[in-house]
C-alpha atoms as a PDB file:
ATOM      1  CA  UNK A   1      83.063  94.792 114.397  1.00  0.00           C
ATOM      2  CA  UNK A   2      82.692  91.755 112.133  1.00  0.00           C
ATOM      3  CA  UNK A   3      84.505  88.522 113.002  1.00  0.00           C
ATOM      4  CA  UNK A   4      86.858  86.932 110.469  1.00  0.00           C
ATOM      5  CA  UNK A   5      87.901  83.302 109.876  1.00  0.00           C
ATOM      6  CA  UNK A   6      90.909  81.992 111.786  1.00  0.00           C
ATOM      7  CA  UNK A   7      92.867  81.632 108.540  1.00  0.00           C
ATOM      8  CA  UNK A   8      92.202  85.234 107.473  1.00  0.00           C
ATOM      9  CA  UNK A   9      95.495  87.126 107.053  1.00  0.00           C
ATOM     10  CA  UNK A  10      94.385  89.970 109.338  1.00  0.00           C
ATOM     11  CA  UNK A  11      92.810  89.753 112.819  1.00  0.00           C
ATOM     12  CA  UNK A  12      90.802  92.617 114.295  1.00  0.00           C
ATOM     13  CA  UNK A  13      89.985  93.024 117.992  1.00  0.00           C
ATOM     14  CA  UNK A  14      88.799  95.868 120.206  1.00  0.00           C
ATOM     15  CA  UNK A  15      89.864  96.912 123.684  1.00  0.00           C
ATOM     16  CA  UNK A  16      87.446  99.702 124.494  1.00  0.00           C
ATOM     17  CA  UNK A  17      88.103 102.539 122.055  1.00  0.00           C
ATOM     18  CA  UNK A  18      91.346 100.907 120.851  1.00  0.00           C
ATOM     19  CA  UNK A  19      91.175  98.859 117.635  1.00  0.00           C
ATOM     20  CA  UNK A  20      93.990  96.302 117.317  1.00  0.00           C
ATOM     21  CA  UNK A  21      94.801  95.153 113.783  1.00  0.00           C
ATOM     22  CA  UNK A  22      97.167  92.173 113.588  1.00  0.00           C
ATOM     23  CA  UNK A  23      98.818  90.682 110.526  1.00  0.00           C
ATOM     24  CA  UNK A  24      98.477  86.977 111.288  1.00  0.00           C
ATOM     25  CA  UNK A  25     100.769  85.012 109.014  1.00  0.00           C
ATOM     26  CA  UNK A  26     103.381  84.009 111.628  1.00  0.00           C
ATOM     27  CA  UNK A  27     104.473  80.983 109.609  1.00  0.00           C
ATOM     28  CA  UNK A  28     105.543  83.461 106.899  1.00  0.00           C
ATOM     29  CA  UNK A  29     106.826  86.028 109.419  1.00  0.00           C
ATOM     30  CA  UNK A  30     103.693  88.047 108.570  1.00  0.00           C
ATOM     31  CA  UNK A  31     104.909  88.813 105.045  1.00  0.00           C
ATOM     32  CA  UNK A  32     102.668  90.936 102.849  1.00  0.00           C
ATOM     33  CA  UNK A  33     101.068  89.319  99.829  1.00  0.00           C
ATOM     34  CA  UNK A  34      98.307  90.923  97.758  1.00  0.00           C
ATOM     35  CA  UNK A  35      95.548  89.308  99.829  1.00  0.00           C
ATOM     36  CA  UNK A  36      97.053  90.645 103.059  1.00  0.00           C
ATOM     37  CA  UNK A  37      97.394  94.149 101.639  1.00  0.00           C
ATOM     38  CA  UNK A  38      93.741  94.080 100.604  1.00  0.00           C
ATOM     39  CA  UNK A  39      92.655  92.734 103.997  1.00  0.00           C
ATOM     40  CA  UNK A  40      94.592  95.478 105.769  1.00  0.00           C
ATOM     41  CA  UNK A  41      92.965  98.115 103.558  1.00  0.00           C
ATOM     42  CA  UNK A  42      89.531  96.770 104.499  1.00  0.00           C
ATOM     43  CA  UNK A  43      90.421  96.704 108.197  1.00  0.00           C
ATOM     44  CA  UNK A  44      91.638 100.301 108.177  1.00  0.00           C
ATOM     45  CA  UNK A  45      88.574 101.471 106.251  1.00  0.00           C
ATOM     46  CA  UNK A  46      86.352  99.863 108.883  1.00  0.00           C
ATOM     47  CA  UNK A  47      88.345 101.440 111.714  1.00  0.00           C
ATOM     48  CA  UNK A  48      88.125 104.882 110.121  1.00  0.00           C
ATOM     49  CA  UNK A  49      84.354 104.580 109.741  1.00  0.00           C
ATOM     50  CA  UNK A  50      83.622 103.224 113.245  1.00  0.00           C
ATOM     51  CA  UNK A  51      82.765 106.111 115.618  1.00  0.00           C
ATOM     52  CA  UNK A  52      83.607 103.956 118.647  1.00  0.00           C
ATOM     53  CA  UNK A  53      87.227 103.565 117.524  1.00  0.00           C
ATOM     54  CA  UNK A  54      89.526 106.387 118.609  1.00  0.00           C
ATOM     55  CA  UNK A  55      92.977 104.882 118.074  1.00  0.00           C
ATOM     56  CA  UNK A  56      94.415 101.959 116.096  1.00  0.00           C
ATOM     57  CA  UNK A  57      97.315  99.693 117.055  1.00  0.00           C
ATOM     58  CA  UNK A  58      98.948  97.760 114.180  1.00  0.00           C
ATOM     59  CA  UNK A  59     101.140  94.755 114.910  1.00  0.00           C
ATOM     60  CA  UNK A  60     102.190  91.295 113.744  1.00  0.00           C
ATOM     61  CA  UNK A  61     101.364  87.875 115.163  1.00  0.00           C
ATOM     62  CA  UNK A  62     103.980  85.762 116.875  1.00  0.00           C
ATOM     63  CA  UNK A  63     107.189  86.631 118.731  1.00  0.00           C
ATOM     64  CA  UNK A  64     109.530  87.058 115.772  1.00  0.00           C
ATOM     65  CA  UNK A  65     108.145  89.643 113.398  1.00  0.00           C
ATOM     66  CA  UNK A  66     106.059  92.773 113.037  1.00  0.00           C
ATOM     67  CA  UNK A  67     106.145  92.218 109.279  1.00  0.00           C
ATOM     68  CA  UNK A  68     109.312  90.720 107.796  1.00  0.00           C
ATOM     69  CA  UNK A  69     108.661  92.120 104.305  1.00  0.00           C
ATOM     70  CA  UNK A  70     106.646  91.498 101.171  1.00  0.00           C
ATOM     71  CA  UNK A  71     105.945  87.897 100.185  1.00  0.00           C
ATOM     72  CA  UNK A  72     108.988  86.968  98.095  1.00  0.00           C
ATOM     73  CA  UNK A  73     107.425  83.723  96.827  1.00  0.00           C
ATOM     74  CA  UNK A  74     104.539  85.712  95.359  1.00  0.00           C
ATOM     75  CA  UNK A  75     106.809  88.424  93.943  1.00  0.00           C
ATOM     76  CA  UNK A  76     108.991  85.833  92.228  1.00  0.00           C
ATOM     77  CA  UNK A  77     106.106  84.961  89.887  1.00  0.00           C
ATOM     78  CA  UNK A  78     105.153  88.512  88.859  1.00  0.00           C
ATOM     79  CA  UNK A  79     105.650  90.129  85.463  1.00  0.00           C
ATOM     80  CA  UNK A  80     106.831  93.734  85.151  1.00  0.00           C
ATOM     81  CA  UNK A  81     103.258  95.005  84.872  1.00  0.00           C
ATOM     82  CA  UNK A  82     102.126  92.853  87.803  1.00  0.00           C
ATOM     83  CA  UNK A  83     105.087  94.066  89.839  1.00  0.00           C
ATOM     84  CA  UNK A  84     104.085  97.683  89.256  1.00  0.00           C
ATOM     85  CA  UNK A  85     100.496  96.861  90.222  1.00  0.00           C
ATOM     86  CA  UNK A  86     101.722  95.172  93.415  1.00  0.00           C
ATOM     87  CA  UNK A  87     103.728  98.303  94.248  1.00  0.00           C
ATOM     88  CA  UNK A  88     100.710 100.536  93.649  1.00  0.00           C
ATOM     89  CA  UNK A  89      98.549  98.291  95.839  1.00  0.00           C
ATOM     90  CA  UNK A  90     101.060  98.584  98.673  1.00  0.00           C
ATOM     91  CA  UNK A  91     101.497 102.315  98.219  1.00  0.00           C
ATOM     92  CA  UNK A  92      97.733 102.839  98.299  1.00  0.00           C
ATOM     93  CA  UNK A  93      97.548 101.053 101.657  1.00  0.00           C
ATOM     94  CA  UNK A  94     100.417 103.107 103.081  1.00  0.00           C
ATOM     95  CA  UNK A  95      98.749 106.349 101.999  1.00  0.00           C
ATOM     96  CA  UNK A  96      95.462 105.148 103.484  1.00  0.00           C
ATOM     97  CA  UNK A  97      97.140 104.539 106.858  1.00  0.00           C
ATOM     98  CA  UNK A  98      99.089 107.790 106.692  1.00  0.00           C
ATOM     99  CA  UNK A  99      95.856 109.701 106.033  1.00  0.00           C
ATOM    100  CA  UNK A 100      93.818 107.932 108.723  1.00  0.00           C
ATOM    101  CA  UNK A 101      91.715 110.437 110.708  1.00  0.00           C
ATOM    102  CA  UNK A 102      92.626 108.566 113.904  1.00  0.00           C
ATOM    103  CA  UNK A 103      96.103 107.961 115.354  1.00  0.00           C
ATOM    104  CA  UNK A 104      97.774 104.712 114.309  1.00  0.00           C
ATOM    105  CA  UNK A 105     100.503 103.180 116.476  1.00  0.00           C
ATOM    106  CA  UNK A 106     102.881 100.574 115.063  1.00  0.00           C
ATOM    107  CA  UNK A 107     103.743  98.004 117.747  1.00  0.00           C
ATOM    108  CA  UNK A 108     107.063  96.816 116.327  1.00  0.00           C
ATOM    109  CA  UNK A 109     107.558  93.524 118.134  1.00  0.00           C
ATOM    110  CA  UNK A 110     110.262  92.024 115.919  1.00  0.00           C
ATOM    111  CA  UNK A 111     111.547  92.182 112.361  1.00  0.00           C
ATOM    112  CA  UNK A 112     110.230  95.144 110.336  1.00  0.00           C
ATOM    113  CA  UNK A 113     111.997  94.692 107.029  1.00  0.00           C
ATOM    114  CA  UNK A 114     111.189  95.867 103.522  1.00  0.00           C
ATOM    115  CA  UNK A 115     107.426  96.166 103.268  1.00  0.00           C
ATOM    116  CA  UNK A 116     107.247  95.775 107.035  1.00  0.00           C
ATOM    117  CA  UNK A 117     109.298  98.890 107.669  1.00  0.00           C
ATOM    118  CA  UNK A 118     107.302 100.680 104.977  1.00  0.00           C
ATOM    119  CA  UNK A 119     104.113  99.666 106.801  1.00  0.00           C
ATOM    120  CA  UNK A 120     105.469 100.898 110.135  1.00  0.00           C
ATOM    121  CA  UNK A 121     106.622 104.203 108.654  1.00  0.00           C
ATOM    122  CA  UNK A 122     103.113 104.885 107.347  1.00  0.00           C
ATOM    123  CA  UNK A 123     101.830 104.799 110.949  1.00  0.00           C
ATOM    124  CA  UNK A 124     101.766 107.976 113.018  1.00  0.00           C
ATOM    125  CA  UNK A 125     103.789 106.594 115.943  1.00  0.00           C
ATOM    126  CA  UNK A 126     106.208 103.664 116.132  1.00  0.00           C
ATOM    127  CA  UNK A 127     107.018 101.951 119.424  1.00  0.00           C
ATOM    128  CA  UNK A 128     109.624  99.196 119.133  1.00  0.00           C
ATOM    129  CA  UNK A 129     110.882  96.388 121.329  1.00  0.00           C
ATOM    130  CA  UNK A 130     114.605  96.575 122.010  1.00  0.00           C
ATOM    131  CA  UNK A 131     114.928  93.265 120.155  1.00  0.00           C
ATOM    132  CA  UNK A 132     113.406  94.621 116.937  1.00  0.00           C
ATOM    133  CA  UNK A 133     115.370  94.939 113.706  1.00  0.00           C
ATOM    134  CA  UNK A 134     114.411  97.275 110.864  1.00  0.00           C
ATOM    135  CA  UNK A 135     115.718  97.754 107.346  1.00  0.00           C
ATOM    136  CA  UNK A 136     115.141  98.020 103.608  1.00  0.00           C
ATOM    137  CA  UNK A 137     116.922  94.942 102.192  1.00  0.00           C
ATOM    138  CA  UNK A 138     115.332  94.983  98.720  1.00  0.00           C
ATOM    139  CA  UNK A 139     118.710  95.607  97.040  1.00  0.00           C
ATOM    140  CA  UNK A 140     119.637  92.019  98.005  1.00  0.00           C
ATOM    141  CA  UNK A 141     116.736  90.799  95.851  1.00  0.00           C
ATOM    142  CA  UNK A 142     117.645  92.927  92.854  1.00  0.00           C
ATOM    143  CA  UNK A 143     114.873  95.387  93.748  1.00  0.00           C
ATOM    144  CA  UNK A 144     114.257  98.759  95.363  1.00  0.00           C
ATOM    145  CA  UNK A 145     111.619  99.577  97.982  1.00  0.00           C
ATOM    146  CA  UNK A 146     108.194  99.510  96.328  1.00  0.00           C
ATOM    147  CA  UNK A 147     105.755 100.594  99.045  1.00  0.00           C
ATOM    148  CA  UNK A 148     107.238 104.053  99.688  1.00  0.00           C
ATOM    149  CA  UNK A 149     110.350 103.162 101.659  1.00  0.00           C
ATOM    150  CA  UNK A 150     112.756 105.383  99.767  1.00  0.00           C
ATOM    151  CA  UNK A 151     110.464 108.374 100.191  1.00  0.00           C
ATOM    152  CA  UNK A 152     109.352 107.990 103.812  1.00  0.00           C
ATOM    153  CA  UNK A 153     112.848 107.129 105.026  1.00  0.00           C
ATOM    154  CA  UNK A 154     114.093 110.271 103.307  1.00  0.00           C
ATOM    155  CA  UNK A 155     111.500 112.355 105.148  1.00  0.00           C
ATOM    156  CA  UNK A 156     112.068 110.673 108.498  1.00  0.00           C
ATOM    157  CA  UNK A 157     115.845 110.436 108.714  1.00  0.00           C
ATOM    158  CA  UNK A 158     117.407 112.279 105.774  1.00  0.00           C
ATOM    159  CA  UNK A 159     119.401 111.456 102.672  1.00  0.00           C
ATOM    160  CA  UNK A 160     122.530 109.900 104.241  1.00  0.00           C
ATOM    161  CA  UNK A 161     120.691 107.352 106.372  1.00  0.00           C
ATOM    162  CA  UNK A 162     118.226 106.548 103.576  1.00  0.00           C
ATOM    163  CA  UNK A 163     121.015 105.807 101.132  1.00  0.00           C
ATOM    164  CA  UNK A 164     122.858 103.701 103.712  1.00  0.00           C
ATOM    165  CA  UNK A 165     119.845 101.546 104.541  1.00  0.00           C
ATOM    166  CA  UNK A 166     118.685 101.146 100.945  1.00  0.00           C
ATOM    167  CA  UNK A 167     122.061 100.758  99.217  1.00  0.00           C
ATOM    168  CA  UNK A 168     123.614  98.374 101.745  1.00  0.00           C
ATOM    169  CA  UNK A 169     120.418  96.542 102.614  1.00  0.00           C
ATOM    170  CA  UNK A 170     121.602  95.627 106.120  1.00  0.00           C
ATOM    171  CA  UNK A 171     119.129  95.775 109.017  1.00  0.00           C
ATOM    172  CA  UNK A 172     119.776  97.997 112.012  1.00  0.00           C
ATOM    173  CA  UNK A 173     118.788  97.496 115.631  1.00  0.00           C
ATOM    174  CA  UNK A 174     116.064  99.378 117.439  1.00  0.00           C
ATOM    175  CA  UNK A 175     118.411 101.770 119.246  1.00  0.00           C
ATOM    176  CA  UNK A 176     119.978 102.946 115.970  1.00  0.00           C
ATOM    177  CA  UNK A 177     116.494 103.284 114.464  1.00  0.00           C
ATOM    178  CA  UNK A 178     115.571 105.500 117.422  1.00  0.00           C
ATOM    179  CA  UNK A 179     118.688 107.623 116.967  1.00  0.00           C
ATOM    180  CA  UNK A 180     117.837 108.107 113.285  1.00  0.00           C
ATOM    181  CA  UNK A 181     114.224 109.048 114.022  1.00  0.00           C
ATOM    182  CA  UNK A 182     112.723 105.973 112.356  1.00  0.00           C
ATOM    183  CA  UNK A 183     110.974 104.895 115.568  1.00  0.00           C
ATOM    184  CA  UNK A 184     109.637 107.091 118.369  1.00  0.00           C
ATOM    185  CA  UNK A 185     110.346 104.898 121.376  1.00  0.00           C
ATOM    186  CA  UNK A 186     112.266 101.741 122.252  1.00  0.00           C
ATOM    187  CA  UNK A 187     111.349  99.677 125.308  1.00  0.00           C
ATOM    188  CA  UNK A 188     112.394  96.262 126.651  1.00  0.00           C
ATOM    189  CA  UNK A 189     110.464  93.547 124.833  1.00  0.00           C
ATOM    190  CA  UNK A 190     108.719  92.471 128.034  1.00  0.00           C
ATOM    191  CA  UNK A 191     107.365  96.009 128.471  1.00  0.00           C
ATOM    192  CA  UNK A 192     106.226  96.581 124.880  1.00  0.00           C
ATOM    193  CA  UNK A 193     102.564  95.723 125.388  1.00  0.00           C
ATOM    194  CA  UNK A 194     102.226  97.905 128.471  1.00  0.00           C
ATOM    195  CA  UNK A 195     103.911 100.861 126.808  1.00  0.00           C
ATOM    196  CA  UNK A 196     101.791 100.606 123.657  1.00  0.00           C
ATOM    197  CA  UNK A 197      98.645 100.319 125.777  1.00  0.00           C
ATOM    198  CA  UNK A 198      99.628 103.377 127.844  1.00  0.00           C
ATOM    199  CA  UNK A 199     100.106 105.501 124.722  1.00  0.00           C
ATOM    200  CA  UNK A 200      96.951 104.146 123.069  1.00  0.00           C
ATOM    201  CA  UNK A 201      94.854 104.852 126.165  1.00  0.00           C
ATOM    202  CA  UNK A 202      96.208 108.385 126.375  1.00  0.00           C
ATOM    203  CA  UNK A 203      95.253 108.999 122.751  1.00  0.00           C
ATOM    204  CA  UNK A 204      91.839 107.388 123.264  1.00  0.00           C
ATOM    205  CA  UNK A 205      91.151 109.902 126.059  1.00  0.00           C
ATOM    206  CA  UNK A 206      92.153 112.871 123.888  1.00  0.00           C
ATOM    207  CA  UNK A 207      89.728 115.013 121.893  1.00  0.00           C
ATOM    208  CA  UNK A 208      89.084 113.057 118.672  1.00  0.00           C
ATOM    209  CA  UNK A 209      88.328 116.087 116.515  1.00  0.00           C
ATOM    210  CA  UNK A 210      91.494 117.830 117.691  1.00  0.00           C
ATOM    211  CA  UNK A 211      93.502 114.671 116.972  1.00  0.00           C
ATOM    212  CA  UNK A 212      92.059 114.581 113.470  1.00  0.00           C
ATOM    213  CA  UNK A 213      92.830 118.261 112.906  1.00  0.00           C
ATOM    214  CA  UNK A 214      96.399 117.764 114.083  1.00  0.00           C
ATOM    215  CA  UNK A 215      96.967 114.727 111.875  1.00  0.00           C
ATOM    216  CA  UNK A 216      95.576 116.647 108.911  1.00  0.00           C
ATOM    217  CA  UNK A 217      97.701 119.730 109.638  1.00  0.00           C
ATOM    218  CA  UNK A 218     100.928 117.745 109.895  1.00  0.00           C
ATOM    219  CA  UNK A 219     100.124 115.708 106.783  1.00  0.00           C
ATOM    220  CA  UNK A 220      99.237 118.773 104.689  1.00  0.00           C
ATOM    221  CA  UNK A 221     102.138 120.785 106.077  1.00  0.00           C
ATOM    222  CA  UNK A 222     104.620 118.115 105.074  1.00  0.00           C
ATOM    223  CA  UNK A 223     103.587 118.438 101.437  1.00  0.00           C
ATOM    224  CA  UNK A 224     103.216 122.186 100.920  1.00  0.00           C
ATOM    225  CA  UNK A 225     104.946 125.510 101.532  1.00  0.00           C
ATOM    226  CA  UNK A 226     105.263 126.950 105.042  1.00  0.00           C
ATOM    227  CA  UNK A 227     102.791 129.732 104.257  1.00  0.00           C
ATOM    228  CA  UNK A 228     100.190 127.253 102.974  1.00  0.00           C
ATOM    229  CA  UNK A 229     100.755 124.998 105.980  1.00  0.00           C
ATOM    230  CA  UNK A 230     100.308 127.880 108.405  1.00  0.00           C
ATOM    231  CA  UNK A 231      97.099 128.923 106.685  1.00  0.00           C
ATOM    232  CA  UNK A 232      95.763 125.377 106.932  1.00  0.00           C
ATOM    233  CA  UNK A 233      96.717 125.184 110.620  1.00  0.00           C
ATOM    234  CA  UNK A 234      94.827 128.398 111.360  1.00  0.00           C
ATOM    235  CA  UNK A 235      91.751 127.093 109.545  1.00  0.00           C
ATOM    236  CA  UNK A 236      91.794 123.851 111.554  1.00  0.00           C
ATOM    237  CA  UNK A 237      92.414 125.776 114.785  1.00  0.00           C
ATOM    238  CA  UNK A 238      89.430 128.009 114.122  1.00  0.00           C
ATOM    239  CA  UNK A 239      87.116 125.122 113.229  1.00  0.00           C
ATOM    240  CA  UNK A 240      87.766 123.477 116.585  1.00  0.00           C
ATOM    241  CA  UNK A 241      86.217 126.492 118.340  1.00  0.00           C
ATOM    242  CA  UNK A 242      82.883 125.254 116.965  1.00  0.00           C
ATOM    243  CA  UNK A 243      83.173 121.913 118.791  1.00  0.00           C
ATOM    244  CA  UNK A 244      81.719 120.920 122.144  1.00  0.00           C
ATOM    245  CA  UNK A 245      84.996 119.151 122.898  1.00  0.00           C
ATOM    246  CA  UNK A 246      86.884 122.458 122.771  1.00  0.00           C
ATOM    247  CA  UNK A 247      84.426 123.980 125.280  1.00  0.00           C
ATOM    248  CA  UNK A 248      84.753 120.879 127.456  1.00  0.00           C
ATOM    249  CA  UNK A 249      88.555 120.939 127.320  1.00  0.00           C
ATOM    250  CA  UNK A 250      88.904 124.602 128.182  1.00  0.00           C
ATOM    251  CA  UNK A 251      86.200 124.406 130.870  1.00  0.00           C
ATOM    252  CA  UNK A 252      87.855 121.365 132.435  1.00  0.00           C
ATOM    253  CA  UNK A 253      91.172 123.208 132.547  1.00  0.00           C
ATOM    254  CA  UNK A 254      89.621 126.230 134.258  1.00  0.00           C
ATOM    255  CA  UNK A 255      87.739 123.993 136.699  1.00  0.00           C
ATOM    256  CA  UNK A 256      90.844 121.893 137.446  1.00  0.00           C
ATOM    257  CA  UNK A 257      89.270 118.586 136.423  1.00  0.00           C
ATOM    258  CA  UNK A 258      89.879 115.948 133.759  1.00  0.00           C
ATOM    259  CA  UNK A 259      87.992 116.549 130.497  1.00  0.00           C
ATOM    260  CA  UNK A 260      85.473 114.073 129.106  1.00  0.00           C
ATOM    261  CA  UNK A 261      85.601 114.427 125.332  1.00  0.00           C
ATOM    262  CA  UNK A 262      82.585 113.223 123.347  1.00  0.00           C
ATOM    263  CA  UNK A 263      83.770 113.545 119.718  1.00  0.00           C
ATOM    264  CA  UNK A 264      81.463 116.419 118.904  1.00  0.00           C
END
């Protein structure tokens, strides 16, 4: 893992098989400008390619924000063409995260607004502090979500909630986000790190090839017919019978011991 300068917008650290990617612009509430989007794309590419990384945790620096949105000062200067390009840059990152072959956990430690909520929704799991606030407030800027918010909200929590959050632009608290299915878990802020670490360690112990097959099956199934999704699931299921990890997992079960998966 390469080191980066202290003023780089994204910090990358490892804790065993867990890669932690942190947006580090706390003075801007970790807002997303073009440079930060590009740095995140590079960090996720490196995590995907590193065989020692089994799970990724994404978070924001400082106590206030996961990511409070896109960088409004930068957006204020953009032309229509540049605005579309900025949207496409953000959407490409979200698709990259969504399609990661390793689980990605969003550690939502504070505000996740606009581009921040869009970033969290692209992750596979979202664990939020009870103090977190989420929302899509772009309407208050004369805009709509540009990094996929209208589409992922629709798929996560349905039409009524999506229209409420996007049309009114008001943030909601973590408990309401949990009730709507936007986040997976809510824990007291003081317990957030421990809970995220527990989930990350569990995933890091799981069979990596099975995790990848599951992520692929759910991603493909969400974008195709039921019959096509079932066919893809069966193909992935069958392929896993060719892995040593499958033999290890089933043998460990029969022998009443914990499996030791080797990613092969």
